[in-house]
């Protein structure tokens, strides 16, 4: 099934977000149909700030590593890294990337001018005509200009976007309103209070984990280190050295069913 078609299946596409090859390979081995990247995870792992256009090289390098996995890969390009978005999209498409996220949030908690942002969306689509361009609308994420969510989404769709991502959209009535007003697959972040099934009933077509997995991995690593330091039992179910080493060769991941 193509990446585009995954947005029109019987249930929402659950898109886990990786930050390096090992996390992407483990998620693929766990059976996920597609994999995204998390800009926060990529940036933090490199010791760089998220959302400030500092990780173009790291993002492209990660894309180059994980496109060999036999699942579609979509890449978070923030707001384009201050680069030529057409050129960046063409480079990613040539690598075999299936899609990109491009956001209208800017450093300092402000929104881009929607006309200028539509131009970036258009450039991404022109640079990679086959890419699934997911236009991220940060009105709810930043908590500003929420009344402009639908207008921004429609502008970006008119510019060539294939889907709309509204992180921070979490209330049933607001989700349903955006679904009704926007003629394209709606992507939201994981909403624990609703769950995948209910989000699907509301019309959501894609659910991303964002930086959740990266943050959970850091928490687990520090928790385990503290347990060792304090002489406490370490949690069961941690994959073996051989399991982890085998990821690069596509070996099954023993944590799949845990």
Foldseek 3Di string as FASTA:
>chain_A
DAPLCLLVDPFAQEEEADQALLVLLQVVLLPRQEYEHFQCSVQVVVVHDGLALPCLVSQLVRLLNRLVRPHAYEYECEQPSPDQLLQSLLSSVVSPHAAYEHEQAHPPLDGHDLVVSLVSLLSNCNSRVRHQYEYEYECQVSVHPPVCRLVSLVSNVVSPHQHYEYENPADLVSLLVSQVRDDHAYEYEDHVVQDRVNSVVSPHRYYYPHCVVVVVVVVLVVVQVVCVVVVHDRDPDDDDPVLSVCSSVSDRRSSSVD
